[in-house]
PDB file of N, CA and C in Angstrom:
ATOM      1  N   MET A   1      25.946   8.694  11.334  1.00  0.00           N
ATOM      2  CA  MET A   1      25.644   7.570  10.463  1.00  0.00           C
ATOM      3  C   MET A   1      24.139   7.294  10.542  1.00  0.00           C
ATOM      4  N   PRO A   2      23.457   7.271   9.403  1.00  0.00           N
ATOM      5  CA  PRO A   2      22.001   7.057   9.422  1.00  0.00           C
ATOM      6  C   PRO A   2      21.634   5.656   9.917  1.00  0.00           C
ATOM      7  N   THR A   3      20.515   5.593  10.623  1.00  0.00           N
ATOM      8  CA  THR A   3      20.022   4.309  11.107  1.00  0.00           C
ATOM      9  C   THR A   3      19.307   3.577   9.981  1.00  0.00           C
ATOM     10  N   LYS A   4      18.999   2.289  10.222  1.00  0.00           N
ATOM     11  CA  LYS A   4      18.253   1.503   9.230  1.00  0.00           C
ATOM     12  C   LYS A   4      16.906   2.144   8.929  1.00  0.00           C
ATOM     13  N   THR A   5      16.234   2.622   9.979  1.00  0.00           N
ATOM     14  CA  THR A   5      14.917   3.243   9.806  1.00  0.00           C
ATOM     15  C   THR A   5      15.029   4.481   8.930  1.00  0.00           C
ATOM     16  N   THR A   6      16.046   5.299   9.171  1.00  0.00           N
ATOM     17  CA  THR A   6      16.240   6.502   8.366  1.00  0.00           C
ATOM     18  C   THR A   6      16.494   6.134   6.910  1.00  0.00           C
ATOM     19  N   LYS A   7      17.319   5.124   6.677  1.00  0.00           N
ATOM     20  CA  LYS A   7      17.614   4.688   5.309  1.00  0.00           C
ATOM     21  C   LYS A   7      16.348   4.201   4.614  1.00  0.00           C
ATOM     22  N   ARG A   8      15.520   3.457   5.329  1.00  0.00           N
ATOM     23  CA  ARG A   8      14.273   2.946   4.745  1.00  0.00           C
ATOM     24  C   ARG A   8      13.307   4.086   4.419  1.00  0.00           C
ATOM     25  N   LEU A   9      13.198   5.041   5.331  1.00  0.00           N
ATOM     26  CA  LEU A   9      12.324   6.186   5.074  1.00  0.00           C
ATOM     27  C   LEU A   9      12.809   6.989   3.866  1.00  0.00           C
ATOM     28  N   LEU A  10      14.112   7.164   3.754  1.00  0.00           N
ATOM     29  CA  LEU A  10      14.661   7.892   2.608  1.00  0.00           C
ATOM     30  C   LEU A  10      14.412   7.129   1.310  1.00  0.00           C
ATOM     31  N   ALA A  11      14.565   5.804   1.338  1.00  0.00           N
ATOM     32  CA  ALA A  11      14.305   4.994   0.146  1.00  0.00           C
ATOM     33  C   ALA A  11      12.831   5.074  -0.248  1.00  0.00           C
ATOM     34  N   SER A  12      11.933   5.028   0.743  1.00  0.00           N
ATOM     35  CA  SER A  12      10.497   5.134   0.466  1.00  0.00           C
ATOM     36  C   SER A  12      10.166   6.497  -0.120  1.00  0.00           C
ATOM     37  N   ALA A  13      10.745   7.539   0.458  1.00  0.00           N
ATOM     38  CA  ALA A  13      10.493   8.889  -0.047  1.00  0.00           C
ATOM     39  C   ALA A  13      11.018   9.034  -1.479  1.00  0.00           C
ATOM     40  N   ALA A  14      12.194   8.458  -1.754  1.00  0.00           N
ATOM     41  CA  ALA A  14      12.755   8.525  -3.112  1.00  0.00           C
ATOM     42  C   ALA A  14      11.846   7.829  -4.113  1.00  0.00           C
ATOM     43  N   LEU A  15      11.291   6.679  -3.718  1.00  0.00           N
ATOM     44  CA  LEU A  15      10.383   5.959  -4.609  1.00  0.00           C
ATOM     45  C   LEU A  15       9.136   6.793  -4.896  1.00  0.00           C
ATOM     46  N   LEU A  16       8.553   7.360  -3.864  1.00  0.00           N
ATOM     47  CA  LEU A  16       7.345   8.175  -4.060  1.00  0.00           C
ATOM     48  C   LEU A  16       7.634   9.403  -4.926  1.00  0.00           C
ATOM     49  N   VAL A  17       8.789  10.023  -4.716  1.00  0.00           N
ATOM     50  CA  VAL A  17       9.148  11.174  -5.547  1.00  0.00           C
ATOM     51  C   VAL A  17       9.337  10.741  -6.994  1.00  0.00           C
ATOM     52  N   SER A  18       9.968   9.575  -7.215  1.00  0.00           N
ATOM     53  CA  SER A  18      10.171   9.111  -8.588  1.00  0.00           C
ATOM     54  C   SER A  18       8.841   8.837  -9.291  1.00  0.00           C
ATOM     55  N   LEU A  19       7.836   8.427  -8.532  1.00  0.00           N
ATOM     56  CA  LEU A  19       6.520   8.212  -9.123  1.00  0.00           C
ATOM     57  C   LEU A  19       5.862   9.540  -9.500  1.00  0.00           C
ATOM     58  N   MET A  20       6.232  10.597  -8.799  1.00  0.00           N
ATOM     59  CA  MET A  20       5.593  11.882  -9.030  1.00  0.00           C
ATOM     60  C   MET A  20       6.376  12.778  -9.989  1.00  0.00           C
ATOM     61  N   VAL A  21       7.556  12.365 -10.434  1.00  0.00           N
ATOM     62  CA  VAL A  21       8.405  13.197 -11.292  1.00  0.00           C
ATOM     63  C   VAL A  21       7.674  13.723 -12.521  1.00  0.00           C
ATOM     64  N   PRO A  22       6.901  12.896 -13.257  1.00  0.00           N
ATOM     65  CA  PRO A  22       6.208  13.457 -14.424  1.00  0.00           C
ATOM     66  C   PRO A  22       5.291  14.625 -14.055  1.00  0.00           C
ATOM     67  N   CYS A  23       4.656  14.563 -12.912  1.00  0.00           N
ATOM     68  CA  CYS A  23       3.786  15.666 -12.487  1.00  0.00           C
ATOM     69  C   CYS A  23       4.620  16.898 -12.146  1.00  0.00           C
ATOM     70  N   LEU A  24       5.773  16.688 -11.512  1.00  0.00           N
ATOM     71  CA  LEU A  24       6.624  17.804 -11.130  1.00  0.00           C
ATOM     72  C   LEU A  24       7.258  18.472 -12.347  1.00  0.00           C
ATOM     73  N   ASN A  25       7.447  17.726 -13.423  1.00  0.00           N
ATOM     74  CA  ASN A  25       8.033  18.280 -14.640  1.00  0.00           C
ATOM     75  C   ASN A  25       7.017  19.054 -15.468  1.00  0.00           C
ATOM     76  N   GLY A  26       5.794  19.143 -15.019  1.00  0.00           N
ATOM     77  CA  GLY A  26       4.784  19.904 -15.722  1.00  0.00           C
ATOM     78  C   GLY A  26       4.161  19.171 -16.886  1.00  0.00           C
ATOM     79  N   GLN A  27       4.348  17.867 -16.961  1.00  0.00           N
ATOM     80  CA  GLN A  27       3.739  17.097 -18.036  1.00  0.00           C
ATOM     81  C   GLN A  27       2.258  16.941 -17.747  1.00  0.00           C
ATOM     82  N   ALA A  28       1.449  17.366 -18.675  1.00  0.00           N
ATOM     83  CA  ALA A  28       0.003  17.260 -18.490  1.00  0.00           C
ATOM     84  C   ALA A  28      -0.525  16.129 -19.357  1.00  0.00           C
ATOM     85  N   SER A  29      -1.439  15.385 -18.797  1.00  0.00           N
ATOM     86  CA  SER A  29      -2.100  14.348 -19.584  1.00  0.00           C
ATOM     87  C   SER A  29      -3.484  14.138 -19.005  1.00  0.00           C
ATOM     88  N   ASP A  30      -4.324  13.508 -19.807  1.00  0.00           N
ATOM     89  CA  ASP A  30      -5.682  13.240 -19.346  1.00  0.00           C
ATOM     90  C   ASP A  30      -5.709  12.070 -18.376  1.00  0.00           C
ATOM     91  N   GLU A  31      -4.707  11.196 -18.453  1.00  0.00           N
ATOM     92  CA  GLU A  31      -4.648  10.042 -17.564  1.00  0.00           C
ATOM     93  C   GLU A  31      -3.683  10.325 -16.426  1.00  0.00           C
ATOM     94  N   ALA A  32      -4.042   9.862 -15.244  1.00  0.00           N
ATOM     95  CA  ALA A  32      -3.156  10.025 -14.097  1.00  0.00           C
ATOM     96  C   ALA A  32      -1.995   9.043 -14.200  1.00  0.00           C
ATOM     97  N   ASP A  33      -0.809   9.476 -13.760  1.00  0.00           N
ATOM     98  CA  ASP A  33       0.359   8.600 -13.755  1.00  0.00           C
ATOM     99  C   ASP A  33       0.278   7.593 -12.617  1.00  0.00           C
ATOM    100  N   PHE A  34      -0.397   7.986 -11.562  1.00  0.00           N
ATOM    101  CA  PHE A  34      -0.584   7.083 -10.437  1.00  0.00           C
ATOM    102  C   PHE A  34      -1.876   7.445  -9.729  1.00  0.00           C
ATOM    103  N   GLU A  35      -2.341   6.516  -8.913  1.00  0.00           N
ATOM    104  CA  GLU A  35      -3.591   6.707  -8.183  1.00  0.00           C
ATOM    105  C   GLU A  35      -3.356   6.316  -6.735  1.00  0.00           C
ATOM    106  N   VAL A  36      -3.847   7.109  -5.816  1.00  0.00           N
ATOM    107  CA  VAL A  36      -3.730   6.828  -4.385  1.00  0.00           C
ATOM    108  C   VAL A  36      -5.107   6.445  -3.874  1.00  0.00           C
ATOM    109  N   ILE A  37      -5.188   5.259  -3.260  1.00  0.00           N
ATOM    110  CA  ILE A  37      -6.468   4.734  -2.775  1.00  0.00           C
ATOM    111  C   ILE A  37      -6.347   4.492  -1.270  1.00  0.00           C
ATOM    112  N   MET A  38      -7.173   5.165  -0.507  1.00  0.00           N
ATOM    113  CA  MET A  38      -7.179   4.957   0.944  1.00  0.00           C
ATOM    114  C   MET A  38      -8.004   3.715   1.239  1.00  0.00           C
ATOM    115  N   LEU A  39      -7.343   2.652   1.678  1.00  0.00           N
ATOM    116  CA  LEU A  39      -8.038   1.399   1.982  1.00  0.00           C
ATOM    117  C   LEU A  39      -8.644   1.423   3.375  1.00  0.00           C
ATOM    118  N   GLY A  40      -8.022   2.135   4.276  1.00  0.00           N
ATOM    119  CA  GLY A  40      -8.527   2.229   5.637  1.00  0.00           C
ATOM    120  C   GLY A  40      -7.810   3.331   6.383  1.00  0.00           C
ATOM    121  N   VAL A  41      -8.528   4.006   7.231  1.00  0.00           N
ATOM    122  CA  VAL A  41      -7.939   5.086   8.028  1.00  0.00           C
ATOM    123  C   VAL A  41      -8.408   5.015   9.479  1.00  0.00           C
ATOM    124  N   GLY A  42      -9.129   3.965   9.821  1.00  0.00           N
ATOM    125  CA  GLY A  42      -9.779   3.887  11.118  1.00  0.00           C
ATOM    126  C   GLY A  42      -8.869   3.501  12.255  1.00  0.00           C
ATOM    127  N   SER A  43      -8.957   4.252  13.325  1.00  0.00           N
ATOM    128  CA  SER A  43      -8.274   3.929  14.554  1.00  0.00           C
ATOM    129  C   SER A  43      -8.953   4.772  15.631  1.00  0.00           C
ATOM    130  N   PRO A  44      -9.323   4.256  16.754  1.00  0.00           N
ATOM    131  CA  PRO A  44      -9.166   2.885  17.219  1.00  0.00           C
ATOM    132  C   PRO A  44     -10.067   1.929  16.441  1.00  0.00           C
ATOM    133  N   PRO A  45      -9.829   0.619  16.607  1.00  0.00           N
ATOM    134  CA  PRO A  45     -10.608  -0.368  15.848  1.00  0.00           C
ATOM    135  C   PRO A  45     -12.113  -0.208  16.020  1.00  0.00           C
ATOM    136  N   SER A  46     -12.804  -0.325  14.907  1.00  0.00           N
ATOM    137  CA  SER A  46     -14.253  -0.245  14.892  1.00  0.00           C
ATOM    138  C   SER A  46     -14.759  -1.203  13.823  1.00  0.00           C
ATOM    139  N   ILE A  47     -15.916  -1.786  14.014  1.00  0.00           N
ATOM    140  CA  ILE A  47     -16.499  -2.702  13.033  1.00  0.00           C
ATOM    141  C   ILE A  47     -16.807  -1.973  11.726  1.00  0.00           C
ATOM    142  N   HIS A  48     -16.916  -0.651  11.773  1.00  0.00           N
ATOM    143  CA  HIS A  48     -17.285   0.142  10.600  1.00  0.00           C
ATOM    144  C   HIS A  48     -16.090   0.743   9.867  1.00  0.00           C
ATOM    145  N   ARG A  49     -14.882   0.534  10.393  1.00  0.00           N
ATOM    146  CA  ARG A  49     -13.691   1.112   9.767  1.00  0.00           C
ATOM    147  C   ARG A  49     -12.606   0.051   9.654  1.00  0.00           C
ATOM    148  N   PHE A  50     -11.784   0.181   8.636  1.00  0.00           N
ATOM    149  CA  PHE A  50     -10.636  -0.695   8.481  1.00  0.00           C
ATOM    150  C   PHE A  50      -9.399   0.046   8.969  1.00  0.00           C
ATOM    151  N   GLY A  51      -8.342  -0.717   9.269  1.00  0.00           N
ATOM    152  CA  GLY A  51      -7.114  -0.124   9.789  1.00  0.00           C
ATOM    153  C   GLY A  51      -6.332   0.619   8.724  1.00  0.00           C
ATOM    154  N   PRO A  52      -5.287   1.338   9.145  1.00  0.00           N
ATOM    155  CA  PRO A  52      -4.505   2.167   8.241  1.00  0.00           C
ATOM    156  C   PRO A  52      -3.898   1.367   7.087  1.00  0.00           C
ATOM    157  N   ALA A  53      -4.181   1.789   5.875  1.00  0.00           N
ATOM    158  CA  ALA A  53      -3.595   1.183   4.685  1.00  0.00           C
ATOM    159  C   ALA A  53      -3.871   2.097   3.495  1.00  0.00           C
ATOM    160  N   THR A  54      -2.838   2.334   2.703  1.00  0.00           N
ATOM    161  CA  THR A  54      -2.960   3.163   1.516  1.00  0.00           C
ATOM    162  C   THR A  54      -2.359   2.404   0.347  1.00  0.00           C
ATOM    163  N   LEU A  55      -3.084   2.341  -0.758  1.00  0.00           N
ATOM    164  CA  LEU A  55      -2.620   1.652  -1.951  1.00  0.00           C
ATOM    165  C   LEU A  55      -2.255   2.686  -3.003  1.00  0.00           C
ATOM    166  N   ILE A  56      -1.059   2.552  -3.558  1.00  0.00           N
ATOM    167  CA  ILE A  56      -0.629   3.420  -4.650  1.00  0.00           C
ATOM    168  C   ILE A  56      -0.548   2.563  -5.901  1.00  0.00           C
ATOM    169  N   LYS A  57      -1.347   2.912  -6.912  1.00  0.00           N
ATOM    170  CA  LYS A  57      -1.338   2.189  -8.185  1.00  0.00           C
ATOM    171  C   LYS A  57      -0.559   3.044  -9.169  1.00  0.00           C
ATOM    172  N   ALA A  58       0.578   2.516  -9.597  1.00  0.00           N
ATOM    173  CA  ALA A  58       1.437   3.220 -10.555  1.00  0.00           C
ATOM    174  C   ALA A  58       1.660   2.295 -11.739  1.00  0.00           C
ATOM    175  N   GLY A  59       0.945   2.547 -12.815  1.00  0.00           N
ATOM    176  CA  GLY A  59       1.016   1.646 -13.964  1.00  0.00           C
ATOM    177  C   GLY A  59       0.454   0.293 -13.575  1.00  0.00           C
ATOM    178  N   GLU A  60       1.243  -0.746 -13.736  1.00  0.00           N
ATOM    179  CA  GLU A  60       0.823  -2.099 -13.360  1.00  0.00           C
ATOM    180  C   GLU A  60       1.251  -2.475 -11.949  1.00  0.00           C
ATOM    181  N   LYS A  61       1.914  -1.577 -11.253  1.00  0.00           N
ATOM    182  CA  LYS A  61       2.406  -1.862  -9.903  1.00  0.00           C
ATOM    183  C   LYS A  61       1.400  -1.390  -8.857  1.00  0.00           C
ATOM    184  N   TYR A  62       1.288  -2.192  -7.812  1.00  0.00           N
ATOM    185  CA  TYR A  62       0.467  -1.846  -6.657  1.00  0.00           C
ATOM    186  C   TYR A  62       1.386  -1.787  -5.448  1.00  0.00           C
ATOM    187  N   LEU A  63       1.539  -0.620  -4.871  1.00  0.00           N
ATOM    188  CA  LEU A  63       2.405  -0.422  -3.715  1.00  0.00           C
ATOM    189  C   LEU A  63       1.526  -0.129  -2.514  1.00  0.00           C
ATOM    190  N   LEU A  64       1.746  -0.867  -1.456  1.00  0.00           N
ATOM    191  CA  LEU A  64       0.922  -0.742  -0.259  1.00  0.00           C
ATOM    192  C   LEU A  64       1.729  -0.042   0.831  1.00  0.00           C
ATOM    193  N   VAL A  65       1.149   0.999   1.401  1.00  0.00           N
ATOM    194  CA  VAL A  65       1.768   1.706   2.514  1.00  0.00           C
ATOM    195  C   VAL A  65       0.962   1.364   3.755  1.00  0.00           C
ATOM    196  N   ASP A  66       1.567   0.599   4.642  1.00  0.00           N
ATOM    197  CA  ASP A  66       0.963   0.070   5.863  1.00  0.00           C
ATOM    198  C   ASP A  66      -0.057  -1.019   5.532  1.00  0.00           C
ATOM    199  N   ALA A  67      -0.281  -1.885   6.487  1.00  0.00           N
ATOM    200  CA  ALA A  67      -1.212  -3.001   6.302  1.00  0.00           C
ATOM    201  C   ALA A  67      -2.016  -3.180   7.584  1.00  0.00           C
ATOM    202  N   GLY A  68      -2.959  -2.303   7.770  1.00  0.00           N
ATOM    203  CA  GLY A  68      -3.807  -2.355   8.952  1.00  0.00           C
ATOM    204  C   GLY A  68      -4.863  -3.442   8.854  1.00  0.00           C
ATOM    205  N   ARG A  69      -5.657  -3.535   9.919  1.00  0.00           N
ATOM    206  CA  ARG A  69      -6.712  -4.538  10.010  1.00  0.00           C
ATOM    207  C   ARG A  69      -7.664  -4.410   8.825  1.00  0.00           C
ATOM    208  N   GLY A  70      -7.920  -5.527   8.157  1.00  0.00           N
ATOM    209  CA  GLY A  70      -8.881  -5.565   7.069  1.00  0.00           C
ATOM    210  C   GLY A  70      -8.322  -5.210   5.703  1.00  0.00           C
ATOM    211  N   VAL A  71      -7.003  -5.066   5.576  1.00  0.00           N
ATOM    212  CA  VAL A  71      -6.430  -4.672   4.287  1.00  0.00           C
ATOM    213  C   VAL A  71      -6.749  -5.693   3.193  1.00  0.00           C
ATOM    214  N   THR A  72      -6.739  -6.983   3.519  1.00  0.00           N
ATOM    215  CA  THR A  72      -7.034  -7.993   2.495  1.00  0.00           C
ATOM    216  C   THR A  72      -8.497  -7.934   2.058  1.00  0.00           C
ATOM    217  N   GLN A  73      -9.395  -7.642   2.977  1.00  0.00           N
ATOM    218  CA  GLN A  73     -10.810  -7.502   2.615  1.00  0.00           C
ATOM    219  C   GLN A  73     -11.019  -6.311   1.686  1.00  0.00           C
ATOM    220  N   ARG A  74     -10.339  -5.211   1.975  1.00  0.00           N
ATOM    221  CA  ARG A  74     -10.484  -4.024   1.129  1.00  0.00           C
ATOM    222  C   ARG A  74      -9.927  -4.278  -0.272  1.00  0.00           C
ATOM    223  N   LEU A  75      -8.801  -4.985  -0.364  1.00  0.00           N
ATOM    224  CA  LEU A  75      -8.251  -5.322  -1.682  1.00  0.00           C
ATOM    225  C   LEU A  75      -9.228  -6.214  -2.444  1.00  0.00           C
ATOM    226  N   TRP A  76      -9.844  -7.156  -1.739  1.00  0.00           N
ATOM    227  CA  TRP A  76     -10.828  -8.039  -2.372  1.00  0.00           C
ATOM    228  C   TRP A  76     -12.015  -7.236  -2.886  1.00  0.00           C
ATOM    229  N   GLN A  77     -12.490  -6.280  -2.084  1.00  0.00           N
ATOM    230  CA  GLN A  77     -13.619  -5.445  -2.508  1.00  0.00           C
ATOM    231  C   GLN A  77     -13.292  -4.670  -3.781  1.00  0.00           C
ATOM    232  N   LEU A  78     -12.025  -4.299  -3.960  1.00  0.00           N
ATOM    233  CA  LEU A  78     -11.590  -3.568  -5.152  1.00  0.00           C
ATOM    234  C   LEU A  78     -11.193  -4.502  -6.296  1.00  0.00           C
ATOM    235  N   LYS A  79     -11.350  -5.822  -6.073  1.00  0.00           N
ATOM    236  CA  LYS A  79     -11.014  -6.838  -7.072  1.00  0.00           C
ATOM    237  C   LYS A  79      -9.531  -6.812  -7.460  1.00  0.00           C
ATOM    238  N   ILE A  80      -8.676  -6.580  -6.463  1.00  0.00           N
ATOM    239  CA  ILE A  80      -7.234  -6.602  -6.664  1.00  0.00           C
ATOM    240  C   ILE A  80      -6.683  -7.844  -5.967  1.00  0.00           C
ATOM    241  N   PRO A  81      -6.190  -8.835  -6.731  1.00  0.00           N
ATOM    242  CA  PRO A  81      -5.627 -10.032  -6.102  1.00  0.00           C
ATOM    243  C   PRO A  81      -4.444  -9.672  -5.201  1.00  0.00           C
ATOM    244  N   LEU A  82      -4.335 -10.335  -4.074  1.00  0.00           N
ATOM    245  CA  LEU A  82      -3.275 -10.027  -3.116  1.00  0.00           C
ATOM    246  C   LEU A  82      -1.892 -10.192  -3.727  1.00  0.00           C
ATOM    247  N   GLY A  83      -1.748 -11.164  -4.613  1.00  0.00           N
ATOM    248  CA  GLY A  83      -0.464 -11.404  -5.256  1.00  0.00           C
ATOM    249  C   GLY A  83      -0.021 -10.283  -6.177  1.00  0.00           C
ATOM    250  N   ARG A  84      -0.910  -9.357  -6.502  1.00  0.00           N
ATOM    251  CA  ARG A  84      -0.558  -8.224  -7.368  1.00  0.00           C
ATOM    252  C   ARG A  84       0.169  -7.110  -6.611  1.00  0.00           C
ATOM    253  N   VAL A  85       0.130  -7.148  -5.280  1.00  0.00           N
ATOM    254  CA  VAL A  85       0.827  -6.138  -4.490  1.00  0.00           C
ATOM    255  C   VAL A  85       2.326  -6.374  -4.653  1.00  0.00           C
ATOM    256  N   THR A  86       3.024  -5.388  -5.235  1.00  0.00           N
ATOM    257  CA  THR A  86       4.437  -5.573  -5.563  1.00  0.00           C
ATOM    258  C   THR A  86       5.372  -4.981  -4.523  1.00  0.00           C
ATOM    259  N   GLY A  87       4.848  -4.208  -3.591  1.00  0.00           N
ATOM    260  CA  GLY A  87       5.691  -3.632  -2.556  1.00  0.00           C
ATOM    261  C   GLY A  87       4.882  -3.253  -1.340  1.00  0.00           C
ATOM    262  N   LEU A  88       5.499  -3.395  -0.175  1.00  0.00           N
ATOM    263  CA  LEU A  88       4.859  -3.023   1.084  1.00  0.00           C
ATOM    264  C   LEU A  88       5.806  -2.119   1.854  1.00  0.00           C
ATOM    265  N   PHE A  89       5.330  -0.933   2.190  1.00  0.00           N
ATOM    266  CA  PHE A  89       6.098   0.012   2.979  1.00  0.00           C
ATOM    267  C   PHE A  89       5.399   0.170   4.320  1.00  0.00           C
ATOM    268  N   VAL A  90       6.151   0.039   5.396  1.00  0.00           N
ATOM    269  CA  VAL A  90       5.584   0.188   6.733  1.00  0.00           C
ATOM    270  C   VAL A  90       6.115   1.490   7.318  1.00  0.00           C
ATOM    271  N   THR A  91       5.214   2.393   7.660  1.00  0.00           N
ATOM    272  CA  THR A  91       5.641   3.697   8.164  1.00  0.00           C
ATOM    273  C   THR A  91       6.223   3.605   9.567  1.00  0.00           C
ATOM    274  N   HIS A  92       5.638   2.745  10.389  1.00  0.00           N
ATOM    275  CA  HIS A  92       6.167   2.501  11.728  1.00  0.00           C
ATOM    276  C   HIS A  92       5.542   1.213  12.265  1.00  0.00           C
ATOM    277  N   LEU A  93       6.092   0.701  13.344  1.00  0.00           N
ATOM    278  CA  LEU A  93       5.730  -0.639  13.804  1.00  0.00           C
ATOM    279  C   LEU A  93       4.637  -0.673  14.868  1.00  0.00           C
ATOM    280  N   HIS A  94       3.717   0.261  14.853  1.00  0.00           N
ATOM    281  CA  HIS A  94       2.563   0.152  15.738  1.00  0.00           C
ATOM    282  C   HIS A  94       1.669  -0.969  15.217  1.00  0.00           C
ATOM    283  N   SER A  95       1.028  -1.671  16.132  1.00  0.00           N
ATOM    284  CA  SER A  95       0.240  -2.845  15.747  1.00  0.00           C
ATOM    285  C   SER A  95      -0.853  -2.526  14.737  1.00  0.00           C
ATOM    286  N   ASP A  96      -1.460  -1.342  14.828  1.00  0.00           N
ATOM    287  CA  ASP A  96      -2.542  -1.024  13.895  1.00  0.00           C
ATOM    288  C   ASP A  96      -2.046  -0.811  12.465  1.00  0.00           C
ATOM    289  N   HIS A  97      -0.745  -0.707  12.256  1.00  0.00           N
ATOM    290  CA  HIS A  97      -0.184  -0.528  10.916  1.00  0.00           C
ATOM    291  C   HIS A  97       0.391  -1.816  10.340  1.00  0.00           C
ATOM    292  N   VAL A  98       0.534  -2.854  11.165  1.00  0.00           N
ATOM    293  CA  VAL A  98       1.171  -4.092  10.694  1.00  0.00           C
ATOM    294  C   VAL A  98       0.315  -5.343  10.879  1.00  0.00           C
ATOM    295  N   VAL A  99      -0.826  -5.229  11.549  1.00  0.00           N
ATOM    296  CA  VAL A  99      -1.627  -6.403  11.881  1.00  0.00           C
ATOM    297  C   VAL A  99      -2.128  -7.145  10.636  1.00  0.00           C
ATOM    298  N   GLY A 100      -2.236  -6.489   9.488  1.00  0.00           N
ATOM    299  CA  GLY A 100      -2.717  -7.128   8.266  1.00  0.00           C
ATOM    300  C   GLY A 100      -1.638  -7.825   7.443  1.00  0.00           C
ATOM    301  N   ILE A 101      -0.372  -7.687   7.845  1.00  0.00           N
ATOM    302  CA  ILE A 101       0.720  -8.288   7.074  1.00  0.00           C
ATOM    303  C   ILE A 101       0.597  -9.812   6.992  1.00  0.00           C
ATOM    304  N   PRO A 102       0.321 -10.523   8.081  1.00  0.00           N
ATOM    305  CA  PRO A 102       0.197 -11.982   7.956  1.00  0.00           C
ATOM    306  C   PRO A 102      -0.879 -12.415   6.955  1.00  0.00           C
ATOM    307  N   ASP A 103      -2.043 -11.758   6.968  1.00  0.00           N
ATOM    308  CA  ASP A 103      -3.085 -12.098   5.994  1.00  0.00           C
ATOM    309  C   ASP A 103      -2.596 -11.868   4.575  1.00  0.00           C
ATOM    310  N   LEU A 104      -1.910 -10.775   4.361  1.00  0.00           N
ATOM    311  CA  LEU A 104      -1.402 -10.439   3.034  1.00  0.00           C
ATOM    312  C   LEU A 104      -0.388 -11.475   2.557  1.00  0.00           C
ATOM    313  N   LEU A 105       0.534 -11.853   3.426  1.00  0.00           N
ATOM    314  CA  LEU A 105       1.586 -12.795   3.045  1.00  0.00           C
ATOM    315  C   LEU A 105       1.101 -14.237   2.968  1.00  0.00           C
ATOM    316  N   LEU A 106       0.228 -14.628   3.888  1.00  0.00           N
ATOM    317  CA  LEU A 106      -0.169 -16.031   3.967  1.00  0.00           C
ATOM    318  C   LEU A 106      -1.298 -16.412   3.016  1.00  0.00           C
ATOM    319  N   THR A 107      -2.026 -15.434   2.493  1.00  0.00           N
ATOM    320  CA  THR A 107      -3.095 -15.776   1.564  1.00  0.00           C
ATOM    321  C   THR A 107      -2.847 -15.261   0.155  1.00  0.00           C
ATOM    322  N   GLY A 108      -1.812 -14.478  -0.040  1.00  0.00           N
ATOM    323  CA  GLY A 108      -1.514 -13.935  -1.356  1.00  0.00           C
ATOM    324  C   GLY A 108      -1.040 -14.956  -2.357  1.00  0.00           C
ATOM    325  N   TRP A 109      -0.582 -16.104  -1.880  1.00  0.00           N
ATOM    326  CA  TRP A 109      -0.063 -17.138  -2.789  1.00  0.00           C
ATOM    327  C   TRP A 109      -1.159 -18.039  -3.346  1.00  0.00           C
ATOM    328  N   LEU A 110      -2.372 -17.950  -2.804  1.00  0.00           N
ATOM    329  CA  LEU A 110      -3.467 -18.826  -3.232  1.00  0.00           C
ATOM    330  C   LEU A 110      -3.750 -18.704  -4.740  1.00  0.00           C
ATOM    331  N   CYS A 111      -4.017 -19.827  -5.358  1.00  0.00           N
ATOM    332  CA  CYS A 111      -4.386 -19.833  -6.791  1.00  0.00           C
ATOM    333  C   CYS A 111      -5.882 -19.642  -6.904  1.00  0.00           C
ATOM    334  N   SER A 112      -6.308 -18.443  -6.836  1.00  0.00           N
ATOM    335  CA  SER A 112      -7.723 -18.124  -6.934  1.00  0.00           C
ATOM    336  C   SER A 112      -7.839 -16.659  -7.325  1.00  0.00           C
ATOM    337  N   PRO A 113      -9.032 -16.179  -7.530  1.00  0.00           N
ATOM    338  CA  PRO A 113      -9.173 -14.755  -7.793  1.00  0.00           C
ATOM    339  C   PRO A 113      -8.653 -13.912  -6.626  1.00  0.00           C
ATOM    340  N   PHE A 114      -8.663 -14.496  -5.424  1.00  0.00           N
ATOM    341  CA  PHE A 114      -8.243 -13.752  -4.245  1.00  0.00           C
ATOM    342  C   PHE A 114      -6.721 -13.655  -4.141  1.00  0.00           C
ATOM    343  N   GLY A 115      -6.025 -14.725  -4.503  1.00  0.00           N
ATOM    344  CA  GLY A 115      -4.563 -14.744  -4.394  1.00  0.00           C
ATOM    345  C   GLY A 115      -3.911 -14.358  -5.702  1.00  0.00           C
ATOM    346  N   GLY A 116      -3.059 -15.223  -6.174  1.00  0.00           N
ATOM    347  CA  GLY A 116      -2.444 -15.021  -7.484  1.00  0.00           C
ATOM    348  C   GLY A 116      -1.312 -14.076  -7.463  1.00  0.00           C
TER     349      GLY A 116
END
C-alpha cells in the first residue's frame, strides 16, 4: 500500500507530465507552454544565494516547487505577487526547502503589489 509521501510524489509527477504533454506530442510553437524559473539553488545558506525554490509558470498558473529562504524576495524581484502562486509542492521536509513557507502564506494575503 503506497504511503502518503509516495501518493504526493506521484500526484506531483502526474501534474508535471500533464504540463509537458504538448511538448511530448510533438506540437511545435514559437511560444513556450510553460517556463521554469530557478528562484534559488543555494545551500548552505549564504548572503549571496537564496534557498531552494523553483517556479513553474504554465499559462496563468504559478506553481512553486519548494520554498527555501528568500523565496518571497525573489518573487518580488520578478514582480510576481505572492497571491498569484496557485500551488506549492514540497519535495522533502528539510528546513532549507520549507523555511520560506511562512513568509509565502503570511504575506501573500496583503492588498498591495506584493500580496494579492
